[in-house]
């Protein structure tokens, strides 16, 4: 029995192989450059507050474009074309930023190796670039360098930030069309592997980047990014290609399964024919439900907390004298452990008896992580502390995707997954980088992680209250049903002569 299970564990599922490869590359894209983006921007010549603002506002592109891309692909079913377009534009707009820094970068800081301490610069070049800000917490909105990097990153995010929604939709669609049982978490876990490998490769390449006075060392991360994007452009068409072996048997039952699902926790819209309703109306009816609003608020909070981890862990470790290699190892080890955990995430959600309990546990994990990370003095302790990423991101993300999969019409899966990912990776990360950038530049890394740890505490309390109310309502309904059944039984008892 054990040998059979082990054989099944390592058996390659060719039907889902494109899903694993695409998740590896898509999530890996984030791992290649996002942990190093703020240090890269600081090297180009921005201060930490400006870099945080760029990283926050860049996601405006994703926030507005994500739902639009989702609706277009749901309506036209042209996923492959959209994904190829996104990868090409990401390669140009994100991968080309080191080349852009040759023109607009601060020549005294945009070097490899970078200065240990970046002091105030007062020399103004003939190119119109404004001098580096006098304060590390002030933002010069007239700086050409800042404005160029800001608007390019906003535009870029409309493409690179929306790739994951396309992959989620493609994998969910592939699972629904399969006649065999498929596990989303077991495929999504390869994304964490990709993040791990990408983060380690980028950190290592940045550490050994050739000495130059043209670009800073973090340009190495964009080399790895470009390789990932090229790989995704090649692999993604296979994800959306129809399978003649498994699709036809299950495809007709997708919408029927949704309509008849007993586990759907979102109220159905009364007197609405789902076959006749336009997609816009279905999306609107879904979004206006109170439980969906609460779900998206939770996604926003978790996204904000994850944005703090991604955007400011490297800077906090820099305060603790941690090397760039250690940063890469930390992100890599954590992502690797998260990927393994995703294999079991679906079972844990079932064990926890529902998505809300799982989301609460995910939020509580950030409380422990951030408050611990705020008070350590040895950067190596960051590795065991952030292993809790397995719960915060791993469990949280799988729960979010499965919630959308089980509680929304299959015809709007791409739209709803885009809204979910936009809320998490877009709006949440915007809040994290803008607020986090200001807090970090004014008070430092310890205060940043302490304050956001308190935010996680507050929202965990909200979720605990929600869970308590749901339990009370369930018990009340149970008692009502028992009373009704008892009354019916008494009514049906035969009258004795």
Protein backbone atom coordinates (compact mmCIF):
# COMPACT_ATOMS: atom_id res chain seq x y z
CA UNK A 1 0.00 0.00 0.00
CA UNK A 2 2.78 2.42 0.97
CA UNK A 3 4.72 1.54 -2.18
CA UNK A 4 1.67 2.22 -4.33
CA UNK A 5 1.13 5.63 -2.73
CA UNK A 6 4.81 6.49 -3.17
CA UNK A 7 4.60 5.50 -6.83
CA UNK A 8 1.53 7.68 -7.33
CA UNK A 9 3.27 10.58 -5.56
CA UNK A 10 6.16 10.63 -8.02
CA UNK A 11 4.11 9.76 -11.09
CA UNK A 12 4.24 12.54 -13.66
CA UNK A 13 0.77 13.78 -14.59
CA UNK A 14 1.30 14.79 -18.21
CA UNK A 15 -2.12 16.44 -18.37
CA UNK A 16 -1.19 18.87 -15.56
CA UNK A 17 2.51 19.20 -16.46
CA UNK A 18 1.95 22.52 -18.34
CA UNK A 19 0.28 23.88 -15.18
CA UNK A 20 3.31 23.02 -13.05
CA UNK A 21 5.75 24.57 -15.53
CA UNK A 22 3.71 27.75 -15.95
CA UNK A 23 3.31 28.20 -12.19
CA UNK A 24 7.05 27.63 -11.73
CA UNK A 25 7.87 30.36 -14.24
CA UNK A 26 5.08 32.84 -13.44
CA UNK A 27 5.57 32.96 -9.68
CA UNK A 28 9.30 32.68 -10.25
CA UNK A 29 9.17 35.95 -12.18
CA UNK A 30 8.18 37.72 -8.97
CA UNK A 31 11.00 35.98 -7.11
CA UNK A 32 13.59 37.13 -9.61
CA UNK A 33 13.11 40.85 -9.19
CA UNK A 34 10.58 41.93 -6.54
CA UNK A 35 12.72 41.17 -3.46
CA UNK A 36 15.53 43.23 -5.04
CA UNK A 37 13.51 45.99 -6.69
CA UNK A 38 13.74 48.50 -3.83
CA UNK A 39 17.55 48.11 -3.46
CA UNK A 40 17.84 48.40 -7.25
CA UNK A 41 15.85 51.64 -7.30
CA UNK A 42 17.89 53.01 -4.39
CA UNK A 43 21.01 52.20 -6.37
CA UNK A 44 19.63 54.01 -9.41
CA UNK A 45 19.34 57.14 -7.29
CA UNK A 46 16.01 57.15 -5.46
CA UNK A 47 15.79 57.28 -1.69
CA UNK A 48 13.92 54.58 0.24
CA UNK A 49 10.69 56.56 0.45
CA UNK A 50 10.70 57.18 -3.31
CA UNK A 51 11.56 53.55 -4.03
CA UNK A 52 8.72 52.39 -1.78
CA UNK A 53 6.32 54.77 -3.51
CA UNK A 54 7.36 53.50 -6.95
CA UNK A 55 6.91 49.88 -5.83
CA UNK A 56 3.52 50.74 -4.38
CA UNK A 57 2.12 52.89 -7.15
CA UNK A 58 3.48 50.61 -9.88
CA UNK A 59 0.69 48.23 -8.97
CA UNK A 60 -1.91 50.78 -10.04
CA UNK A 61 -1.39 49.35 -13.51
CA UNK A 62 -2.25 45.87 -12.29
CA UNK A 63 -5.16 47.16 -10.22
CA UNK A 64 -6.93 48.74 -13.18
CA UNK A 65 -5.79 46.35 -15.90
CA UNK A 66 -6.31 43.06 -14.03
CA UNK A 67 -10.13 42.95 -14.02
CA UNK A 68 -10.16 44.29 -17.59
CA UNK A 69 -7.82 41.55 -18.83
CA UNK A 70 -9.93 38.99 -16.98
CA UNK A 71 -13.20 40.18 -18.50
CA UNK A 72 -11.70 40.31 -22.01
CA UNK A 73 -10.35 36.76 -21.78
CA UNK A 74 -13.60 35.43 -20.28
CA UNK A 75 -15.55 37.02 -23.12
CA UNK A 76 -13.21 36.23 -26.02
CA UNK A 77 -11.39 33.15 -24.65
CA UNK A 78 -8.08 34.41 -26.10
CA UNK A 79 -5.83 33.52 -23.17
CA UNK A 80 -2.78 32.56 -25.23
CA UNK A 81 -2.63 35.84 -27.15
CA UNK A 82 -3.03 37.87 -23.94
CA UNK A 83 -0.32 35.91 -22.10
CA UNK A 84 2.17 36.25 -24.98
CA UNK A 85 1.46 39.99 -25.14
CA UNK A 86 2.00 40.29 -21.39
CA UNK A 87 5.34 38.46 -21.46
CA UNK A 88 6.70 40.55 -24.33
CA UNK A 89 5.69 43.84 -22.72
CA UNK A 90 7.08 42.69 -19.34
CA UNK A 91 10.38 41.81 -20.98
CA UNK A 92 10.65 45.29 -22.49
CA UNK A 93 9.32 47.38 -19.60
CA UNK A 94 10.71 45.49 -16.60
CA UNK A 95 13.67 43.62 -18.03
CA UNK A 96 14.88 46.80 -19.74
CA UNK A 97 15.11 48.93 -16.59
CA UNK A 98 18.87 48.36 -16.06
CA UNK A 99 19.38 49.75 -19.57
CA UNK A 100 17.16 52.70 -18.69
CA UNK A 101 19.30 53.34 -15.60
CA UNK A 102 22.28 53.95 -17.89
CA UNK A 103 20.53 57.15 -18.95
CA UNK A 104 18.75 58.37 -15.83
CA UNK A 105 20.75 56.74 -13.01
CA UNK A 106 22.76 58.66 -10.41
CA UNK A 107 26.34 57.96 -11.49
CA UNK A 108 27.62 58.07 -7.91
CA UNK A 109 25.26 55.35 -6.66
CA UNK A 110 24.38 53.35 -9.77
CA UNK A 111 27.57 51.32 -9.59
CA UNK A 112 28.62 47.80 -8.70
CA UNK A 113 29.58 47.40 -5.93
CA UNK A 114 27.31 50.05 -4.43
CA UNK A 115 28.53 52.54 -1.83
CA UNK A 116 28.12 51.20 1.69
CA UNK A 117 26.31 54.37 2.76
CA UNK A 118 24.50 56.50 0.22
CA UNK A 119 25.09 60.10 1.16
CA UNK A 120 23.31 63.20 -0.14
CA UNK A 121 24.30 64.16 -3.66
CA UNK A 122 24.18 67.75 -4.84
CA UNK A 123 25.64 67.57 -8.34
CA UNK A 124 23.11 68.24 -11.08
CA UNK A 125 23.86 66.93 -14.56
CA UNK A 126 23.00 68.52 -17.86
CA UNK A 127 20.42 65.82 -18.54
CA UNK A 128 17.86 67.52 -16.34
CA UNK A 129 17.99 64.91 -13.59
CA UNK A 130 17.28 66.55 -10.26
CA UNK A 131 19.71 66.06 -7.38
CA UNK A 132 19.21 63.27 -4.88
CA UNK A 133 16.83 64.21 -2.13
CA UNK A 134 18.23 65.83 0.98
CA UNK A 135 16.20 63.55 3.23
CA UNK A 136 15.84 59.81 3.00
CA UNK A 137 12.15 60.19 3.83
CA UNK A 138 11.27 63.06 1.49
CA UNK A 139 9.94 62.63 -2.04
CA UNK A 140 10.88 64.98 -4.85
CA UNK A 141 7.89 64.89 -7.19
CA UNK A 142 9.75 67.14 -9.66
CA UNK A 143 12.59 64.67 -10.13
CA UNK A 144 12.79 63.41 -13.71
CA UNK A 145 14.37 60.19 -12.49
CA UNK A 146 11.57 59.51 -10.03
CA UNK A 147 8.76 60.33 -12.48
CA UNK A 148 10.22 58.25 -15.32
CA UNK A 149 10.69 55.19 -13.11
CA UNK A 150 7.25 55.66 -11.56
CA UNK A 151 5.29 55.83 -14.81
CA UNK A 152 7.25 53.05 -16.52
CA UNK A 153 6.64 50.75 -13.57
CA UNK A 154 2.93 51.59 -13.44
CA UNK A 155 2.62 50.74 -17.13
CA UNK A 156 4.74 47.60 -16.71
CA UNK A 157 2.56 46.30 -13.87
CA UNK A 158 -0.45 46.21 -16.20
CA UNK A 159 1.36 43.30 -17.86
CA UNK A 160 3.69 41.49 -15.44
CA UNK A 161 1.27 41.91 -12.53
CA UNK A 162 -1.58 40.20 -14.37
CA UNK A 163 0.25 37.08 -15.52
CA UNK A 164 -0.57 35.10 -12.38
CA UNK A 165 -4.32 35.63 -12.86
CA UNK A 166 -4.08 34.15 -16.34
CA UNK A 167 -2.20 31.13 -15.00
CA UNK A 168 -4.64 30.61 -12.11
CA UNK A 169 -7.56 30.76 -14.54
CA UNK A 170 -5.88 28.39 -16.98
CA UNK A 171 -5.12 25.83 -14.29
CA UNK A 172 -8.58 26.05 -12.69
CA UNK A 173 -10.16 25.62 -16.12
CA UNK A 174 -7.91 22.65 -16.84
CA UNK A 175 -8.85 21.05 -13.51
CA UNK A 176 -12.58 21.58 -14.06
CA UNK A 177 -12.41 20.06 -17.53
CA UNK A 178 -10.58 16.97 -16.34
CA UNK A 179 -12.55 13.77 -15.85
CA UNK A 180 -10.13 12.85 -13.06
CA UNK A 181 -9.69 14.43 -9.64
CA UNK A 182 -6.99 17.13 -9.64
CA UNK A 183 -5.48 19.06 -6.73
CA UNK A 184 -4.89 22.78 -7.28
CA UNK A 185 -2.41 23.06 -4.40
CA UNK A 186 -0.20 20.30 -5.77
CA UNK A 187 0.20 22.32 -8.96
CA UNK A 188 0.43 25.75 -7.33
CA UNK A 189 3.29 24.49 -5.13
CA UNK A 190 5.57 24.58 -8.17
CA UNK A 191 5.14 28.35 -8.18
CA UNK A 192 6.86 28.50 -4.81
CA UNK A 193 9.65 26.33 -6.23
CA UNK A 194 10.01 28.83 -9.05
CA UNK A 195 10.07 31.75 -6.62
CA UNK A 196 12.72 29.97 -4.57
CA UNK A 197 14.97 29.24 -7.53
CA UNK A 198 14.46 32.70 -9.03
CA UNK A 199 15.20 34.47 -5.76
CA UNK A 200 18.38 32.49 -5.12
CA UNK A 201 19.62 32.89 -8.70
CA UNK A 202 18.98 36.64 -8.67
CA UNK A 203 20.61 37.14 -5.28
CA UNK A 204 23.64 35.07 -6.23
CA UNK A 205 24.05 36.77 -9.61
CA UNK A 206 23.74 40.18 -7.95
CA UNK A 207 26.51 39.23 -5.52
CA UNK A 208 28.89 38.17 -8.31
CA UNK A 209 27.82 40.83 -10.81
CA UNK A 210 30.87 42.27 -12.60
CA UNK A 211 32.33 45.49 -11.24
CA UNK A 212 31.08 48.42 -13.28
CA UNK A 213 30.32 52.11 -12.91
CA UNK A 214 27.36 51.89 -15.32
CA UNK A 215 24.67 49.94 -13.41
CA UNK A 216 24.24 48.68 -9.85
CA UNK A 217 24.71 45.05 -8.88
CA UNK A 218 20.99 44.32 -8.70
CA UNK A 219 20.84 44.52 -12.50
CA UNK A 220 21.74 40.83 -12.31
CA UNK A 221 18.21 40.11 -11.09
CA UNK A 222 16.78 41.40 -14.36
CA UNK A 223 18.91 38.96 -16.36
CA UNK A 224 17.26 36.07 -14.51
CA UNK A 225 13.87 37.77 -14.95
CA UNK A 226 14.33 37.89 -18.72
CA UNK A 227 15.08 34.16 -18.88
CA UNK A 228 11.93 33.35 -16.90
CA UNK A 229 9.78 35.53 -19.17
CA UNK A 230 11.12 33.90 -22.32
CA UNK A 231 10.43 30.47 -20.82
CA UNK A 232 6.86 31.45 -19.94
CA UNK A 233 6.18 32.71 -23.46
CA UNK A 234 7.18 29.28 -24.76
CA UNK A 235 5.34 27.20 -22.13
CA UNK A 236 2.04 29.05 -21.70
CA UNK A 237 0.38 27.98 -25.00
CA UNK A 238 0.54 24.37 -23.82
CA UNK A 239 -1.48 25.25 -20.69
CA UNK A 240 -4.41 26.62 -22.68
CA UNK A 241 -4.28 24.03 -25.45
CA UNK A 242 -7.32 21.75 -25.35
CA UNK A 243 -6.73 18.16 -24.31
CA UNK A 244 -8.49 15.57 -26.48
CA UNK A 245 -7.94 12.92 -23.82
CA UNK A 246 -9.75 14.35 -20.79
CA UNK A 247 -11.68 17.51 -21.62
CA UNK A 248 -14.77 16.33 -23.46
CA UNK A 249 -16.12 14.07 -20.72
CA UNK A 250 -16.34 16.74 -18.03
CA UNK A 251 -16.87 20.00 -19.92
CA UNK A 252 -20.69 19.90 -20.13
CA UNK A 253 -21.01 19.50 -16.35
CA UNK A 254 -19.04 22.59 -15.26
CA UNK A 255 -21.93 25.06 -15.13
CA UNK A 256 -24.36 22.39 -13.96
CA UNK A 257 -22.05 21.50 -11.09
CA UNK A 258 -21.88 25.15 -10.07
CA UNK A 259 -25.64 25.59 -10.14
CA UNK A 260 -26.34 22.45 -8.10
CA UNK A 261 -23.43 22.74 -5.66
CA UNK A 262 -24.53 22.29 -2.06
CA UNK A 263 -21.23 23.68 -0.74
CA UNK A 264 -21.65 27.10 -2.34
CA UNK A 265 -21.64 29.52 0.60
CA UNK A 266 -22.56 32.57 -1.47
CA UNK A 267 -26.26 33.10 -1.93
CA UNK A 268 -27.59 32.49 -5.38
CA UNK A 269 -29.21 35.47 -7.03
CA UNK A 270 -32.98 34.86 -6.86
CA UNK A 271 -34.94 34.47 -10.08
CA UNK A 272 -31.93 34.82 -12.34
CA UNK A 273 -31.36 32.43 -15.20
CA UNK A 274 -27.60 31.87 -15.20
CA UNK A 275 -27.73 30.67 -18.80
CA UNK A 276 -29.25 33.98 -19.97
CA UNK A 277 -27.50 36.46 -17.66
CA UNK A 278 -24.72 38.60 -19.22
CA UNK A 279 -21.25 38.16 -17.73
CA UNK A 280 -21.24 41.72 -16.34
CA UNK A 281 -24.44 41.02 -14.41
CA UNK A 282 -23.05 37.77 -13.00
CA UNK A 283 -19.90 39.56 -11.83
CA UNK A 284 -21.92 42.37 -10.24
CA UNK A 285 -24.29 40.00 -8.44
CA UNK A 286 -21.31 38.06 -7.08
CA UNK A 287 -19.37 41.11 -5.90
CA UNK A 288 -22.27 42.70 -4.02
CA UNK A 289 -22.69 39.77 -1.63
CA UNK A 290 -21.61 40.58 1.92
CA UNK A 291 -19.55 37.40 2.28
CA UNK A 292 -17.66 38.17 -0.93
CA UNK A 293 -16.97 41.73 0.28
CA UNK A 294 -15.63 40.36 3.57
CA UNK A 295 -13.57 37.82 1.65
CA UNK A 296 -11.99 40.51 -0.54
CA UNK A 297 -11.24 42.68 2.51
CA UNK A 298 -9.41 39.71 4.03
CA UNK A 299 -7.54 39.20 0.76
CA UNK A 300 -6.55 42.89 0.88
CA UNK A 301 -5.17 42.61 4.43
CA UNK A 302 -3.24 39.44 3.62
CA UNK A 303 -1.91 41.09 0.46
CA UNK A 304 -0.74 44.10 2.45
CA UNK A 305 1.10 41.88 4.93
CA UNK A 306 2.66 39.85 2.13
CA UNK A 307 3.71 43.07 0.41
CA UNK A 308 5.58 44.13 3.55
CA UNK A 309 7.39 40.79 3.60
CA UNK A 310 8.34 40.97 -0.08
CA UNK A 311 9.24 44.65 -0.16
CA UNK A 312 10.99 45.27 3.14
CA UNK A 313 12.54 42.03 4.35
CA UNK A 314 15.71 42.73 2.36
CA UNK A 315 15.99 46.24 3.82
CA UNK A 316 15.36 44.98 7.36
CA UNK A 317 18.08 42.34 6.90
CA UNK A 318 20.37 45.06 5.58
CA UNK A 319 19.83 46.87 8.90
CA UNK A 320 20.90 43.65 10.61
CA UNK A 321 24.05 43.47 8.41
CA UNK A 322 22.73 40.53 6.40
CA UNK A 323 24.33 39.90 3.01
CA UNK A 324 22.51 39.85 -0.32
CA UNK A 325 23.24 36.13 -0.53
CA UNK A 326 21.54 35.61 2.84
CA UNK A 327 18.52 37.54 1.56
CA UNK A 328 18.35 35.22 -1.44
CA UNK A 329 18.78 32.15 0.77
CA UNK A 330 16.01 33.36 3.10
CA UNK A 331 13.53 33.92 0.28
CA UNK A 332 14.62 30.70 -1.38
CA UNK A 333 14.35 28.44 1.67
CA UNK A 334 11.03 29.98 2.68
CA UNK A 335 9.61 29.60 -0.83
CA UNK A 336 10.82 26.00 -0.99
CA UNK A 337 9.10 25.13 2.30
CA UNK A 338 5.97 26.95 1.15
CA UNK A 339 5.90 24.91 -2.04
CA UNK A 340 6.05 21.66 -0.08
CA UNK A 341 3.28 22.85 2.21
CA UNK A 342 0.98 23.70 -0.71
CA UNK A 343 0.94 19.98 -1.46
CA UNK A 344 -1.05 19.50 1.76
CA UNK A 345 -2.91 22.83 1.85
CA UNK A 346 -6.22 21.44 0.58
CA UNK A 347 -6.22 18.73 3.25
CA UNK A 348 -5.44 21.30 5.96
CA UNK A 349 -8.34 23.49 4.78
CA UNK A 350 -10.62 20.46 5.12
CA UNK A 351 -9.14 19.68 8.54
CA UNK A 352 -9.77 23.26 9.65
CA UNK A 353 -13.40 22.85 8.55
CA UNK A 354 -13.67 25.68 6.09
CA UNK A 355 -11.99 28.57 4.31
CA UNK A 356 -12.61 31.17 7.01
CA UNK A 357 -10.77 29.18 9.65
CA UNK A 358 -7.90 28.73 7.20
CA UNK A 359 -7.78 32.45 6.38
CA UNK A 360 -7.75 33.28 10.10
CA UNK A 361 -4.82 30.92 10.68
CA UNK A 362 -2.98 32.52 7.76
CA UNK A 363 -3.48 35.97 9.27
CA UNK A 364 -2.36 34.82 12.73
CA UNK A 365 0.88 33.50 11.24
CA UNK A 366 1.82 37.05 10.21
CA UNK A 367 1.36 38.17 13.82
CA UNK A 368 4.03 35.74 15.01
CA UNK A 369 6.33 36.35 12.04
CA UNK A 370 6.35 40.12 12.00
CA UNK A 371 6.55 40.69 15.75
CA UNK A 372 9.40 38.17 15.99
CA UNK A 373 11.24 39.63 12.99
CA UNK A 374 10.95 43.11 14.48
CA UNK A 375 12.98 42.21 17.56
CA UNK A 376 15.71 39.85 16.32
CA UNK A 377 19.33 40.99 16.21
CA UNK A 378 20.83 38.13 14.17
CA UNK A 379 19.83 38.15 10.46
CA UNK A 380 20.09 34.35 10.27
CA UNK A 381 17.06 34.07 12.55
CA UNK A 382 14.99 35.44 9.68
CA UNK A 383 15.01 32.00 8.03
CA UNK A 384 13.18 30.02 10.75
CA UNK A 385 10.89 32.97 11.50
CA UNK A 386 9.71 33.32 7.92
CA UNK A 387 9.09 29.58 7.56
CA UNK A 388 5.61 30.59 8.75
CA UNK A 389 5.20 31.91 5.21
CA UNK A 390 3.90 28.38 4.63
CA UNK A 391 0.73 29.39 6.48
CA UNK A 392 0.54 33.08 5.64
CA UNK A 393 1.07 32.80 1.90
CA UNK A 394 0.86 29.08 1.11
CA UNK A 395 -2.32 28.24 3.00
CA UNK A 396 -3.80 31.70 2.42
CA UNK A 397 -3.34 31.69 -1.34
CA UNK A 398 -4.64 28.17 -1.92
CA UNK A 399 -7.66 28.98 0.25
CA UNK A 400 -8.39 32.11 -1.77
CA UNK A 401 -8.22 30.35 -5.13
CA UNK A 402 -10.33 27.40 -3.97
CA UNK A 403 -12.89 29.81 -2.51
CA UNK A 404 -13.25 31.51 -5.90
CA UNK A 405 -13.33 28.18 -7.71
CA UNK A 406 -16.10 26.78 -5.50
CA UNK A 407 -18.21 29.89 -5.02
CA UNK A 408 -18.35 31.61 -8.40
CA UNK A 409 -19.76 30.82 -11.82
CA UNK A 410 -17.14 29.00 -13.97
CA UNK A 411 -17.83 31.48 -16.79
CA UNK A 412 -16.36 34.33 -14.71
CA UNK A 413 -13.48 32.45 -13.09
CA UNK A 414 -10.84 34.49 -14.94
CA UNK A 415 -12.54 37.75 -13.98
CA UNK A 416 -12.96 36.80 -10.32
CA UNK A 417 -9.43 35.40 -10.05
CA UNK A 418 -8.17 38.64 -11.61
CA UNK A 419 -10.11 40.66 -9.04
CA UNK A 420 -8.78 38.45 -6.25
CA UNK A 421 -5.18 38.70 -7.45
CA UNK A 422 -5.57 42.43 -8.07
CA UNK A 423 -6.80 42.88 -4.52
CA UNK A 424 -3.96 40.77 -3.10
CA UNK A 425 -0.98 41.58 -5.29
CA UNK A 426 -2.24 44.97 -6.47
CA UNK A 427 -4.17 47.00 -3.92
CA UNK A 428 -2.60 45.18 -0.96
CA UNK A 429 0.93 45.64 -2.24
CA UNK A 430 0.22 49.31 -3.05
CA UNK A 431 -0.80 49.92 0.55
CA UNK A 432 2.20 47.96 1.80
CA UNK A 433 4.77 49.82 -0.26
CA UNK A 434 3.36 53.32 0.17
CA UNK A 435 2.67 53.10 3.89
CA UNK A 436 5.55 50.73 4.53
CA UNK A 437 7.96 52.95 2.61
CA UNK A 438 7.02 55.96 4.69
CA UNK A 439 7.19 54.08 7.99
CA UNK A 440 10.49 52.42 7.10
CA UNK A 441 12.16 55.64 5.99
CA UNK A 442 11.02 57.50 9.12
CA UNK A 443 11.24 54.86 11.85
CA UNK A 444 13.24 51.94 10.43
CA UNK A 445 12.60 48.27 9.83
CA UNK A 446 11.86 47.27 13.41
CA UNK A 447 8.95 49.70 13.69
CA UNK A 448 7.66 48.72 10.24
CA UNK A 449 7.32 45.04 11.05
CA UNK A 450 6.03 45.77 14.55
CA UNK A 451 3.23 48.04 13.32
CA UNK A 452 2.14 45.68 10.56
CA UNK A 453 2.27 42.81 13.04
CA UNK A 454 -0.28 44.75 15.07
CA UNK A 455 -2.40 45.16 11.92
CA UNK A 456 -2.35 41.38 11.50
CA UNK A 457 -3.42 41.03 15.13
CA UNK A 458 -6.37 43.37 14.66
CA UNK A 459 -7.67 41.62 11.55
CA UNK A 460 -7.20 38.20 13.14
CA UNK A 461 -9.56 39.35 15.89
CA UNK A 462 -12.07 40.44 13.22
CA UNK A 463 -11.90 37.01 11.59
CA UNK A 464 -12.28 35.26 14.94
CA UNK A 465 -15.45 37.29 15.56
CA UNK A 466 -16.75 36.36 12.09
CA UNK A 467 -16.04 32.67 12.74
CA UNK A 468 -17.78 32.86 16.12
CA UNK A 469 -20.87 34.46 14.56
CA UNK A 470 -20.96 31.83 11.80
CA UNK A 471 -20.70 29.05 14.40
CA UNK A 472 -23.54 30.59 16.40
CA UNK A 473 -25.70 30.86 13.27
CA UNK A 474 -24.93 27.27 12.32
CA UNK A 475 -25.87 26.06 15.80
CA UNK A 476 -29.05 28.15 15.70
CA UNK A 477 -30.00 26.67 12.31
CA UNK A 478 -29.25 23.20 13.62
CA UNK A 479 -31.48 23.71 16.65
CA UNK A 480 -34.24 25.13 14.44
CA UNK A 481 -34.07 22.13 12.13
CA UNK A 482 -34.19 19.72 15.07
CA UNK A 483 -37.22 21.53 16.50
CA UNK A 484 -38.98 21.49 13.13
CA UNK A 485 -38.27 17.80 12.68
CA UNK A 486 -39.53 17.02 16.18
CA UNK A 487 -42.76 18.94 15.56
CA UNK A 488 -43.28 17.15 12.26
CA UNK A 489 -42.74 13.77 13.91
CA UNK A 490 -45.28 14.61 16.62
CA UNK A 491 -47.80 15.74 14.01
CA UNK A 492 -47.42 12.54 12.01
CA UNK A 493 -47.91 10.22 15.05
CA UNK A 494 -51.12 8.12 14.69
CA UNK A 495 -53.96 8.99 17.03
CA UNK A 496 -54.88 6.21 19.41
CA UNK A 497 -58.48 4.99 19.33
